[in-house]
Amino acid sequence: MTQPNITITPVLLNQTMRQQVAKVFYQAFREKIHHLELFPKSKDQAIRILYESMDVSSGIYALCGNEVVGVIGIKWADGRNFMQFGFNTLRREFGLWGATWRYAIQWAERFFTHIPKNAVHVRGIAVAESMRGRGVGTMLLDAFAKRAISDGFTNITLEVIDTNPKARQLYERLGFSVIRRSYYGWLTQSAGFTSADFMSKTLSE
């Protein structure tokens, strides 16, 4: 298989690329988006919300030509987040009550993901289906580690669900180790997993 010419960048050049990011992110996290986070009425609605909710400055992107084929979203201890659903956006899409309980779910999730002050967290890694297995995720993680070091952080953290063993193997190969495991059982079963491992990697210059 020919290795694609991939460019890693922290910058999106236009709104078309922003739309591509939303679609790639949706592809990767469809079950979680539909059954745990947004509970959208349709794919189009979900992508519309993702498009409006991303902070592009908290992302690193993989481009193949002018097409976004991968993204790593960053979540910071100070509250900044690559993907954070605003109440006004949720209210427009779901009404007052629908927005209220969805927003509450988002806030509750913060208690399950405590980020140490010396660390930055992966909000999500998404690679286009056509580009998976070709090293794009590793390139994104390498770029993320370099950015974290340049910003003065000593650790990067992420979560991997129990039904994604290939991702866990990749993270272990890249130097991540499990800090703790959280069991959710039926609460997350509809989203395709029942537990998740919180993993950390110590950075070096």
N, C-alpha and C. Protein backbone atom coordinates (compact mmCIF):
# COMPACT_ATOMS: atom_id res chain seq x y z
N MET A 1 0.84 -1.19 0.00
CA MET A 1 0.00 0.00 0.00
C MET A 1 0.88 1.26 0.00
N THR A 2 0.62 2.16 -0.90
CA THR A 2 1.41 3.39 -0.99
C THR A 2 1.17 4.26 0.23
N GLN A 3 2.27 4.74 0.82
CA GLN A 3 2.15 5.61 1.98
C GLN A 3 1.69 7.00 1.53
N PRO A 4 0.60 7.51 2.08
CA PRO A 4 0.09 8.81 1.64
C PRO A 4 1.00 9.95 2.09
N ASN A 5 0.94 11.05 1.37
CA ASN A 5 1.69 12.25 1.72
C ASN A 5 0.85 13.06 2.70
N ILE A 6 1.19 12.95 3.98
CA ILE A 6 0.41 13.57 5.05
C ILE A 6 1.13 14.79 5.60
N THR A 7 0.39 15.87 5.78
CA THR A 7 0.90 17.07 6.43
C THR A 7 0.20 17.23 7.77
N ILE A 8 0.96 17.43 8.83
CA ILE A 8 0.40 17.68 10.16
C ILE A 8 0.48 19.17 10.45
N THR A 9 -0.65 19.75 10.85
CA THR A 9 -0.71 21.19 11.05
C THR A 9 -1.66 21.55 12.19
N PRO A 10 -1.40 22.65 12.91
CA PRO A 10 -2.35 23.12 13.93
C PRO A 10 -3.38 24.09 13.36
N VAL A 11 -3.35 24.31 12.05
CA VAL A 11 -4.16 25.36 11.43
C VAL A 11 -5.12 24.78 10.40
N LEU A 12 -6.36 25.23 10.44
CA LEU A 12 -7.32 24.94 9.38
C LEU A 12 -7.43 26.17 8.49
N LEU A 13 -7.32 25.97 7.19
CA LEU A 13 -7.23 27.10 6.28
C LEU A 13 -8.58 27.71 5.92
N ASN A 14 -9.66 26.94 6.04
CA ASN A 14 -10.96 27.46 5.62
C ASN A 14 -12.09 26.69 6.29
N GLN A 15 -13.32 27.15 6.03
CA GLN A 15 -14.50 26.54 6.64
C GLN A 15 -14.80 25.16 6.06
N THR A 16 -14.37 24.91 4.83
CA THR A 16 -14.55 23.58 4.26
C THR A 16 -13.78 22.54 5.06
N MET A 17 -12.57 22.90 5.46
CA MET A 17 -11.78 21.98 6.29
C MET A 17 -12.43 21.79 7.65
N ARG A 18 -13.02 22.83 8.20
CA ARG A 18 -13.72 22.70 9.48
C ARG A 18 -14.87 21.69 9.35
N GLN A 19 -15.58 21.75 8.23
CA GLN A 19 -16.66 20.80 7.97
C GLN A 19 -16.12 19.40 7.85
N GLN A 20 -14.96 19.24 7.21
CA GLN A 20 -14.34 17.93 7.08
C GLN A 20 -13.96 17.37 8.45
N VAL A 21 -13.45 18.22 9.33
CA VAL A 21 -13.11 17.79 10.69
C VAL A 21 -14.35 17.25 11.40
N ALA A 22 -15.46 17.98 11.30
CA ALA A 22 -16.70 17.55 11.94
C ALA A 22 -17.12 16.17 11.44
N LYS A 23 -16.98 15.92 10.13
CA LYS A 23 -17.39 14.64 9.57
C LYS A 23 -16.46 13.51 10.01
N VAL A 24 -15.15 13.77 10.05
CA VAL A 24 -14.20 12.75 10.49
C VAL A 24 -14.43 12.42 11.96
N PHE A 25 -14.65 13.45 12.77
CA PHE A 25 -14.89 13.26 14.20
C PHE A 25 -16.17 12.45 14.40
N TYR A 26 -17.20 12.76 13.62
CA TYR A 26 -18.46 12.02 13.73
C TYR A 26 -18.27 10.55 13.37
N GLN A 27 -17.53 10.29 12.28
CA GLN A 27 -17.26 8.91 11.87
C GLN A 27 -16.65 8.10 13.00
N ALA A 28 -15.68 8.70 13.67
CA ALA A 28 -14.92 7.98 14.69
C ALA A 28 -15.71 7.76 15.97
N PHE A 29 -16.59 8.69 16.30
CA PHE A 29 -17.28 8.65 17.60
C PHE A 29 -18.79 8.60 17.46
N ARG A 30 -19.26 8.00 16.39
CA ARG A 30 -20.69 7.99 16.11
C ARG A 30 -21.51 7.41 17.26
N GLU A 31 -21.12 6.25 17.76
CA GLU A 31 -21.91 5.60 18.80
C GLU A 31 -21.93 6.42 20.08
N LYS A 32 -20.79 6.98 20.44
CA LYS A 32 -20.72 7.81 21.64
C LYS A 32 -21.56 9.07 21.49
N ILE A 33 -21.51 9.68 20.31
CA ILE A 33 -22.27 10.90 20.06
C ILE A 33 -23.77 10.62 20.13
N HIS A 34 -24.20 9.50 19.56
CA HIS A 34 -25.63 9.21 19.49
C HIS A 34 -26.19 8.66 20.80
N HIS A 35 -25.38 7.96 21.59
CA HIS A 35 -25.92 7.23 22.74
C HIS A 35 -25.38 7.70 24.09
N LEU A 36 -24.48 8.70 24.07
CA LEU A 36 -23.89 9.11 25.34
C LEU A 36 -23.74 10.62 25.49
N GLU A 37 -23.55 11.33 24.39
CA GLU A 37 -23.27 12.75 24.49
C GLU A 37 -24.41 13.63 23.98
N LEU A 38 -24.71 13.55 22.68
CA LEU A 38 -25.67 14.49 22.08
C LEU A 38 -27.07 13.92 21.88
N PHE A 39 -27.18 12.61 21.65
CA PHE A 39 -28.47 12.00 21.32
C PHE A 39 -29.17 12.77 20.20
N PRO A 40 -28.47 12.97 19.06
CA PRO A 40 -29.05 13.77 17.99
C PRO A 40 -30.17 13.04 17.27
N LYS A 41 -30.97 13.81 16.54
CA LYS A 41 -32.08 13.24 15.79
C LYS A 41 -31.62 12.67 14.45
N SER A 42 -30.45 13.10 13.98
CA SER A 42 -29.95 12.64 12.69
C SER A 42 -28.44 12.86 12.61
N LYS A 43 -27.82 12.23 11.63
CA LYS A 43 -26.40 12.43 11.36
C LYS A 43 -26.13 13.89 11.02
N ASP A 44 -26.97 14.48 10.18
CA ASP A 44 -26.76 15.86 9.76
C ASP A 44 -26.80 16.81 10.95
N GLN A 45 -27.73 16.57 11.87
CA GLN A 45 -27.81 17.42 13.05
C GLN A 45 -26.56 17.28 13.90
N ALA A 46 -26.07 16.05 14.06
CA ALA A 46 -24.87 15.82 14.86
C ALA A 46 -23.68 16.55 14.26
N ILE A 47 -23.48 16.43 12.95
CA ILE A 47 -22.35 17.08 12.30
C ILE A 47 -22.47 18.60 12.39
N ARG A 48 -23.68 19.12 12.28
CA ARG A 48 -23.90 20.56 12.41
C ARG A 48 -23.48 21.06 13.79
N ILE A 49 -23.83 20.30 14.83
CA ILE A 49 -23.47 20.69 16.19
C ILE A 49 -21.96 20.58 16.40
N LEU A 50 -21.35 19.51 15.90
CA LEU A 50 -19.90 19.35 16.01
C LEU A 50 -19.18 20.51 15.32
N TYR A 51 -19.65 20.88 14.16
CA TYR A 51 -19.05 21.98 13.39
C TYR A 51 -19.05 23.27 14.20
N GLU A 52 -20.15 23.54 14.87
CA GLU A 52 -20.29 24.78 15.62
C GLU A 52 -19.58 24.73 16.98
N SER A 53 -19.32 23.53 17.49
CA SER A 53 -18.86 23.39 18.87
C SER A 53 -17.35 23.24 19.02
N MET A 54 -16.62 23.13 17.93
CA MET A 54 -15.18 22.89 18.05
C MET A 54 -14.39 24.19 18.20
N ASP A 55 -13.38 24.12 19.04
CA ASP A 55 -12.39 25.18 19.18
C ASP A 55 -11.17 24.75 18.36
N VAL A 56 -11.04 25.28 17.16
CA VAL A 56 -10.03 24.77 16.24
C VAL A 56 -8.61 25.03 16.75
N SER A 57 -8.45 26.00 17.66
CA SER A 57 -7.11 26.26 18.21
C SER A 57 -6.66 25.16 19.16
N SER A 58 -7.58 24.30 19.58
CA SER A 58 -7.26 23.17 20.46
C SER A 58 -7.21 21.86 19.70
N GLY A 59 -6.84 21.94 18.43
CA GLY A 59 -6.74 20.74 17.62
C GLY A 59 -5.46 20.69 16.81
N ILE A 60 -5.09 19.49 16.41
CA ILE A 60 -3.99 19.26 15.47
C ILE A 60 -4.57 18.39 14.36
N TYR A 61 -4.22 18.70 13.12
CA TYR A 61 -4.91 18.12 11.98
C TYR A 61 -3.96 17.43 11.02
N ALA A 62 -4.43 16.34 10.43
CA ALA A 62 -3.69 15.63 9.39
C ALA A 62 -4.36 15.90 8.06
N LEU A 63 -3.58 16.42 7.11
CA LEU A 63 -4.10 16.75 5.80
C LEU A 63 -3.46 15.85 4.74
N CYS A 64 -4.27 15.40 3.80
CA CYS A 64 -3.79 14.73 2.61
C CYS A 64 -4.22 15.61 1.44
N GLY A 65 -3.28 16.39 0.93
CA GLY A 65 -3.65 17.44 -0.01
C GLY A 65 -4.43 18.51 0.72
N ASN A 66 -5.62 18.82 0.23
CA ASN A 66 -6.47 19.82 0.87
C ASN A 66 -7.59 19.20 1.70
N GLU A 67 -7.48 17.91 1.97
CA GLU A 67 -8.54 17.21 2.70
C GLU A 67 -8.06 16.83 4.10
N VAL A 68 -8.90 17.10 5.09
CA VAL A 68 -8.61 16.68 6.46
C VAL A 68 -8.91 15.20 6.59
N VAL A 69 -7.88 14.42 6.97
CA VAL A 69 -8.06 12.97 7.11
C VAL A 69 -7.83 12.51 8.55
N GLY A 70 -7.54 13.44 9.44
CA GLY A 70 -7.36 13.07 10.84
C GLY A 70 -7.32 14.30 11.72
N VAL A 71 -7.68 14.10 12.98
CA VAL A 71 -7.67 15.19 13.95
C VAL A 71 -7.41 14.62 15.34
N ILE A 72 -6.66 15.35 16.12
CA ILE A 72 -6.55 15.07 17.54
C ILE A 72 -7.01 16.31 18.28
N GLY A 73 -8.03 16.15 19.09
CA GLY A 73 -8.57 17.25 19.87
C GLY A 73 -7.98 17.26 21.26
N ILE A 74 -7.71 18.44 21.78
CA ILE A 74 -7.02 18.60 23.06
C ILE A 74 -7.98 19.16 24.11
N LYS A 75 -7.84 18.63 25.31
CA LYS A 75 -8.61 19.10 26.46
C LYS A 75 -7.64 19.51 27.55
N TRP A 76 -7.83 20.70 28.11
CA TRP A 76 -6.88 21.28 29.04
C TRP A 76 -7.46 21.31 30.45
N ALA A 77 -6.57 21.29 31.44
CA ALA A 77 -7.01 21.33 32.84
C ALA A 77 -7.74 22.63 33.17
N ASP A 78 -7.46 23.69 32.43
CA ASP A 78 -8.08 24.99 32.72
C ASP A 78 -9.48 25.14 32.12
N GLY A 79 -9.98 24.08 31.47
CA GLY A 79 -11.34 24.11 30.95
C GLY A 79 -11.45 24.24 29.44
N ARG A 80 -10.39 24.64 28.78
CA ARG A 80 -10.43 24.70 27.32
C ARG A 80 -10.61 23.30 26.75
N ASN A 81 -11.33 23.22 25.64
CA ASN A 81 -11.70 21.90 25.14
C ASN A 81 -11.92 21.99 23.63
N PHE A 82 -11.34 21.06 22.91
CA PHE A 82 -11.53 21.03 21.45
C PHE A 82 -13.00 20.93 21.08
N MET A 83 -13.76 20.13 21.82
CA MET A 83 -15.17 19.94 21.50
C MET A 83 -16.00 20.15 22.76
N GLN A 84 -16.68 21.28 22.80
CA GLN A 84 -17.50 21.61 23.98
C GLN A 84 -18.82 22.19 23.49
N PHE A 85 -19.91 21.55 23.88
CA PHE A 85 -21.22 21.91 23.36
C PHE A 85 -21.81 23.07 24.14
N GLY A 86 -22.01 24.19 23.46
CA GLY A 86 -22.55 25.37 24.10
C GLY A 86 -24.05 25.25 24.35
N PHE A 87 -24.52 25.86 25.43
CA PHE A 87 -25.93 25.75 25.79
C PHE A 87 -26.83 26.36 24.71
N ASN A 88 -26.44 27.49 24.16
CA ASN A 88 -27.27 28.15 23.15
C ASN A 88 -27.40 27.28 21.90
N THR A 89 -26.32 26.63 21.51
CA THR A 89 -26.39 25.72 20.36
C THR A 89 -27.33 24.56 20.65
N LEU A 90 -27.19 23.97 21.83
CA LEU A 90 -28.06 22.85 22.21
C LEU A 90 -29.52 23.28 22.30
N ARG A 91 -29.76 24.48 22.81
CA ARG A 91 -31.14 24.96 22.94
C ARG A 91 -31.78 25.18 21.57
N ARG A 92 -31.02 25.71 20.64
CA ARG A 92 -31.55 25.90 19.30
C ARG A 92 -31.92 24.57 18.65
N GLU A 93 -31.10 23.54 18.91
CA GLU A 93 -31.31 22.25 18.26
C GLU A 93 -32.35 21.39 18.97
N PHE A 94 -32.44 21.50 20.32
CA PHE A 94 -33.26 20.54 21.08
C PHE A 94 -34.31 21.18 21.97
N GLY A 95 -34.36 22.50 22.01
CA GLY A 95 -35.28 23.16 22.93
C GLY A 95 -34.69 23.28 24.33
N LEU A 96 -35.39 23.98 25.21
CA LEU A 96 -34.86 24.28 26.54
C LEU A 96 -34.60 23.01 27.36
N TRP A 97 -35.59 22.13 27.46
CA TRP A 97 -35.41 20.93 28.28
C TRP A 97 -34.34 20.01 27.67
N GLY A 98 -34.40 19.82 26.36
CA GLY A 98 -33.41 18.97 25.70
C GLY A 98 -32.00 19.50 25.86
N ALA A 99 -31.86 20.81 25.82
CA ALA A 99 -30.54 21.42 26.01
C ALA A 99 -30.07 21.26 27.45
N THR A 100 -30.98 21.39 28.40
CA THR A 100 -30.60 21.36 29.82
C THR A 100 -30.01 20.03 30.21
N TRP A 101 -30.67 18.92 29.86
CA TRP A 101 -30.13 17.63 30.30
C TRP A 101 -28.91 17.21 29.51
N ARG A 102 -28.82 17.62 28.25
CA ARG A 102 -27.61 17.33 27.48
C ARG A 102 -26.43 18.12 28.03
N TYR A 103 -26.66 19.35 28.39
CA TYR A 103 -25.60 20.18 28.96
C TYR A 103 -25.16 19.63 30.31
N ALA A 104 -26.11 19.11 31.09
CA ALA A 104 -25.78 18.52 32.39
C ALA A 104 -24.90 17.28 32.22
N ILE A 105 -25.17 16.47 31.20
CA ILE A 105 -24.34 15.30 30.92
C ILE A 105 -22.92 15.73 30.63
N GLN A 106 -22.77 16.78 29.85
CA GLN A 106 -21.43 17.28 29.51
C GLN A 106 -20.67 17.72 30.76
N TRP A 107 -21.34 18.41 31.66
CA TRP A 107 -20.69 18.86 32.89
C TRP A 107 -20.35 17.68 33.80
N ALA A 108 -21.23 16.68 33.85
CA ALA A 108 -20.97 15.51 34.69
C ALA A 108 -19.75 14.76 34.20
N GLU A 109 -19.53 14.76 32.89
CA GLU A 109 -18.38 14.05 32.32
C GLU A 109 -17.06 14.58 32.85
N ARG A 110 -17.03 15.85 33.24
CA ARG A 110 -15.79 16.43 33.76
C ARG A 110 -15.32 15.73 35.03
N PHE A 111 -16.25 15.23 35.82
CA PHE A 111 -15.88 14.57 37.07
C PHE A 111 -15.23 13.21 36.81
N PHE A 112 -15.49 12.63 35.64
CA PHE A 112 -14.90 11.34 35.30
C PHE A 112 -13.53 11.48 34.64
N THR A 113 -13.19 12.70 34.22
CA THR A 113 -11.92 12.93 33.52
C THR A 113 -11.17 14.06 34.21
N HIS A 114 -10.54 13.74 35.31
CA HIS A 114 -9.73 14.74 36.00
C HIS A 114 -8.36 14.83 35.33
N ILE A 115 -8.00 16.03 34.91
CA ILE A 115 -6.74 16.24 34.21
C ILE A 115 -5.75 16.90 35.17
N PRO A 116 -4.63 16.25 35.47
CA PRO A 116 -3.62 16.87 36.33
C PRO A 116 -3.12 18.19 35.74
N LYS A 117 -2.69 19.11 36.59
CA LYS A 117 -2.26 20.42 36.12
C LYS A 117 -1.01 20.34 35.23
N ASN A 118 -0.23 19.28 35.39
CA ASN A 118 0.99 19.16 34.58
C ASN A 118 0.75 18.40 33.28
N ALA A 119 -0.53 18.12 32.97
CA ALA A 119 -0.85 17.29 31.81
C ALA A 119 -1.85 17.98 30.89
N VAL A 120 -1.87 17.52 29.65
CA VAL A 120 -2.94 17.85 28.70
C VAL A 120 -3.54 16.52 28.23
N HIS A 121 -4.83 16.57 27.91
CA HIS A 121 -5.60 15.34 27.67
C HIS A 121 -6.09 15.29 26.23
N VAL A 122 -6.11 14.10 25.68
CA VAL A 122 -6.66 13.89 24.35
C VAL A 122 -8.18 13.83 24.45
N ARG A 123 -8.87 14.81 23.88
CA ARG A 123 -10.33 14.80 23.84
C ARG A 123 -10.84 13.73 22.88
N GLY A 124 -10.04 13.48 21.85
CA GLY A 124 -10.40 12.43 20.91
C GLY A 124 -9.42 12.40 19.74
N ILE A 125 -9.14 11.21 19.25
CA ILE A 125 -8.35 11.04 18.03
C ILE A 125 -9.27 10.43 16.99
N ALA A 126 -9.36 11.07 15.84
CA ALA A 126 -10.23 10.58 14.78
C ALA A 126 -9.46 10.55 13.47
N VAL A 127 -9.53 9.43 12.78
CA VAL A 127 -8.89 9.27 11.48
C VAL A 127 -9.94 8.80 10.49
N ALA A 128 -9.96 9.39 9.31
CA ALA A 128 -10.92 9.00 8.27
C ALA A 128 -10.80 7.50 8.00
N GLU A 129 -11.93 6.87 7.76
CA GLU A 129 -11.96 5.42 7.57
C GLU A 129 -11.00 4.97 6.48
N SER A 130 -10.89 5.73 5.40
CA SER A 130 -10.04 5.34 4.28
C SER A 130 -8.55 5.42 4.60
N MET A 131 -8.19 6.07 5.73
CA MET A 131 -6.79 6.29 6.07
C MET A 131 -6.36 5.54 7.32
N ARG A 132 -7.23 4.74 7.89
CA ARG A 132 -6.88 4.03 9.11
C ARG A 132 -5.88 2.92 8.83
N GLY A 133 -5.01 2.68 9.81
CA GLY A 133 -3.98 1.67 9.66
C GLY A 133 -2.79 2.12 8.85
N ARG A 134 -2.67 3.42 8.62
CA ARG A 134 -1.59 3.93 7.78
C ARG A 134 -0.70 4.93 8.52
N GLY A 135 -0.75 4.89 9.86
CA GLY A 135 0.16 5.69 10.67
C GLY A 135 -0.28 7.10 10.97
N VAL A 136 -1.49 7.48 10.57
CA VAL A 136 -1.95 8.85 10.78
C VAL A 136 -2.12 9.14 12.27
N GLY A 137 -2.69 8.20 13.01
CA GLY A 137 -2.88 8.41 14.45
C GLY A 137 -1.57 8.60 15.18
N THR A 138 -0.56 7.81 14.80
CA THR A 138 0.76 7.94 15.42
C THR A 138 1.37 9.30 15.13
N MET A 139 1.22 9.78 13.90
CA MET A 139 1.73 11.10 13.54
C MET A 139 1.06 12.20 14.35
N LEU A 140 -0.23 12.07 14.54
CA LEU A 140 -0.96 13.07 15.32
C LEU A 140 -0.51 13.06 16.78
N LEU A 141 -0.35 11.88 17.35
CA LEU A 141 0.10 11.78 18.74
C LEU A 141 1.51 12.33 18.91
N ASP A 142 2.39 12.08 17.95
CA ASP A 142 3.74 12.63 18.01
C ASP A 142 3.71 14.16 18.00
N ALA A 143 2.88 14.71 17.13
CA ALA A 143 2.77 16.17 17.05
C ALA A 143 2.18 16.74 18.35
N PHE A 144 1.22 16.01 18.92
CA PHE A 144 0.60 16.44 20.17
C PHE A 144 1.63 16.46 21.29
N ALA A 145 2.47 15.42 21.37
CA ALA A 145 3.50 15.34 22.40
C ALA A 145 4.48 16.51 22.28
N LYS A 146 4.88 16.83 21.05
CA LYS A 146 5.81 17.95 20.84
C LYS A 146 5.19 19.27 21.25
N ARG A 147 3.91 19.43 20.95
CA ARG A 147 3.22 20.67 21.35
C ARG A 147 3.13 20.76 22.86
N ALA A 148 2.82 19.64 23.52
CA ALA A 148 2.72 19.64 24.98
C ALA A 148 4.05 20.01 25.62
N ILE A 149 5.14 19.46 25.10
CA ILE A 149 6.46 19.78 25.63
C ILE A 149 6.77 21.27 25.45
N SER A 150 6.47 21.80 24.26
CA SER A 150 6.76 23.21 24.01
C SER A 150 5.93 24.14 24.89
N ASP A 151 4.76 23.65 25.33
CA ASP A 151 3.90 24.44 26.22
C ASP A 151 4.23 24.23 27.69
N GLY A 152 5.24 23.40 27.99
CA GLY A 152 5.71 23.22 29.36
C GLY A 152 5.05 22.11 30.14
N PHE A 153 4.31 21.22 29.48
CA PHE A 153 3.66 20.11 30.18
C PHE A 153 4.60 18.91 30.25
N THR A 154 4.41 18.09 31.26
CA THR A 154 5.27 16.92 31.46
C THR A 154 4.57 15.61 31.18
N ASN A 155 3.25 15.63 31.01
CA ASN A 155 2.50 14.40 30.75
C ASN A 155 1.39 14.66 29.75
N ILE A 156 1.06 13.63 28.98
CA ILE A 156 -0.16 13.65 28.18
C ILE A 156 -1.00 12.44 28.58
N THR A 157 -2.30 12.62 28.57
CA THR A 157 -3.21 11.58 29.02
C THR A 157 -4.30 11.34 27.97
N LEU A 158 -4.91 10.19 28.04
CA LEU A 158 -6.01 9.85 27.15
C LEU A 158 -6.81 8.71 27.76
N GLU A 159 -7.96 8.43 27.17
CA GLU A 159 -8.79 7.31 27.58
C GLU A 159 -9.01 6.39 26.39
N VAL A 160 -9.06 5.11 26.65
CA VAL A 160 -9.35 4.13 25.60
C VAL A 160 -10.38 3.15 26.14
N ILE A 161 -11.40 2.87 25.32
CA ILE A 161 -12.49 2.02 25.78
C ILE A 161 -12.14 0.54 25.61
N ASP A 162 -12.84 -0.30 26.35
CA ASP A 162 -12.51 -1.72 26.38
C ASP A 162 -12.77 -2.44 25.06
N THR A 163 -13.56 -1.85 24.18
CA THR A 163 -13.86 -2.49 22.90
C THR A 163 -12.97 -1.98 21.77
N ASN A 164 -11.88 -1.31 22.12
CA ASN A 164 -10.94 -0.83 21.11
C ASN A 164 -9.52 -1.30 21.44
N PRO A 165 -9.29 -2.61 21.42
CA PRO A 165 -7.98 -3.13 21.82
C PRO A 165 -6.84 -2.70 20.90
N LYS A 166 -7.11 -2.48 19.61
CA LYS A 166 -6.06 -2.04 18.70
C LYS A 166 -5.51 -0.68 19.10
N ALA A 167 -6.42 0.22 19.51
CA ALA A 167 -5.97 1.55 19.95
C ALA A 167 -5.13 1.42 21.21
N ARG A 168 -5.58 0.58 22.13
CA ARG A 168 -4.81 0.41 23.37
C ARG A 168 -3.41 -0.13 23.08
N GLN A 169 -3.31 -1.08 22.18
CA GLN A 169 -2.00 -1.62 21.81
C GLN A 169 -1.11 -0.53 21.22
N LEU A 170 -1.69 0.35 20.39
CA LEU A 170 -0.92 1.46 19.82
C LEU A 170 -0.41 2.38 20.92
N TYR A 171 -1.28 2.73 21.86
CA TYR A 171 -0.88 3.64 22.93
C TYR A 171 0.21 3.04 23.80
N GLU A 172 0.10 1.76 24.09
CA GLU A 172 1.13 1.10 24.89
C GLU A 172 2.46 1.08 24.14
N ARG A 173 2.39 0.86 22.83
CA ARG A 173 3.60 0.85 22.02
C ARG A 173 4.26 2.24 21.99
N LEU A 174 3.46 3.28 22.13
CA LEU A 174 3.98 4.65 22.11
C LEU A 174 4.39 5.15 23.50
N GLY A 175 4.29 4.27 24.52
CA GLY A 175 4.78 4.63 25.85
C GLY A 175 3.74 5.02 26.87
N PHE A 176 2.46 4.84 26.56
CA PHE A 176 1.40 5.13 27.52
C PHE A 176 1.22 3.93 28.46
N SER A 177 0.87 4.20 29.69
CA SER A 177 0.57 3.14 30.66
C SER A 177 -0.74 3.46 31.36
N VAL A 178 -1.42 2.42 31.82
CA VAL A 178 -2.72 2.59 32.45
C VAL A 178 -2.56 3.12 33.87
N ILE A 179 -3.28 4.19 34.17
CA ILE A 179 -3.29 4.77 35.51
C ILE A 179 -4.47 4.24 36.32
N ARG A 180 -5.61 4.15 35.67
CA ARG A 180 -6.79 3.62 36.37
C ARG A 180 -7.79 3.13 35.33
N ARG A 181 -8.71 2.30 35.79
CA ARG A 181 -9.78 1.79 34.94
C ARG A 181 -11.11 2.18 35.57
N SER A 182 -12.00 2.69 34.74
CA SER A 182 -13.33 3.07 35.19
C SER A 182 -14.35 2.11 34.58
N TYR A 183 -15.24 1.58 35.43
CA TYR A 183 -16.29 0.68 34.98
C TYR A 183 -17.62 1.43 34.95
N TYR A 184 -18.30 1.38 33.82
CA TYR A 184 -19.57 2.10 33.66
C TYR A 184 -20.76 1.17 33.49
N GLY A 185 -20.50 -0.07 33.08
CA GLY A 185 -21.58 -1.03 32.94
C GLY A 185 -22.66 -0.59 31.98
N TRP A 186 -23.91 -0.71 32.42
CA TRP A 186 -25.05 -0.42 31.55
C TRP A 186 -25.14 1.05 31.17
N LEU A 187 -24.49 1.93 31.92
CA LEU A 187 -24.57 3.36 31.62
C LEU A 187 -24.03 3.70 30.24
N THR A 188 -23.02 2.95 29.80
CA THR A 188 -22.39 3.24 28.52
C THR A 188 -22.51 2.10 27.51
N GLN A 189 -23.22 1.05 27.89
CA GLN A 189 -23.31 -0.13 27.03
C GLN A 189 -23.88 0.20 25.66
N SER A 190 -24.87 1.10 25.61
CA SER A 190 -25.48 1.46 24.33
C SER A 190 -24.52 2.22 23.43
N ALA A 191 -23.46 2.80 24.01
CA ALA A 191 -22.46 3.51 23.24
C ALA A 191 -21.33 2.59 22.79
N GLY A 192 -21.42 1.30 23.14
CA GLY A 192 -20.49 0.33 22.63
C GLY A 192 -19.34 -0.03 23.54
N PHE A 193 -19.41 0.32 24.83
CA PHE A 193 -18.35 -0.06 25.76
C PHE A 193 -18.91 -0.09 27.17
N THR A 194 -18.18 -0.77 28.07
CA THR A 194 -18.61 -0.84 29.47
C THR A 194 -17.54 -0.37 30.44
N SER A 195 -16.31 -0.17 29.95
CA SER A 195 -15.25 0.35 30.81
C SER A 195 -14.25 1.11 29.95
N ALA A 196 -13.41 1.92 30.61
CA ALA A 196 -12.39 2.69 29.90
C ALA A 196 -11.15 2.80 30.76
N ASP A 197 -10.00 2.73 30.13
CA ASP A 197 -8.73 2.89 30.82
C ASP A 197 -8.21 4.31 30.62
N PHE A 198 -7.82 4.93 31.72
CA PHE A 198 -7.18 6.24 31.70
C PHE A 198 -5.69 6.00 31.62
N MET A 199 -5.04 6.50 30.55
CA MET A 199 -3.64 6.22 30.31
C MET A 199 -2.82 7.51 30.31
N SER A 200 -1.56 7.39 30.69
CA SER A 200 -0.69 8.56 30.78
C SER A 200 0.68 8.23 30.20
N LYS A 201 1.31 9.26 29.64
CA LYS A 201 2.67 9.13 29.13
C LYS A 201 3.50 10.29 29.64
N THR A 202 4.67 9.99 30.23
CA THR A 202 5.59 11.03 30.68
C THR A 202 6.42 11.50 29.50
N LEU A 203 6.51 12.80 29.33
CA LEU A 203 7.20 13.38 28.19
C LEU A 203 8.64 13.68 28.52
N SER A 204 9.48 13.60 27.52
CA SER A 204 10.89 13.97 27.67
C SER A 204 11.28 14.87 26.52
N GLU A 205 12.25 15.74 26.76
CA GLU A 205 12.70 16.67 25.72
C GLU A 205 13.28 15.92 24.52
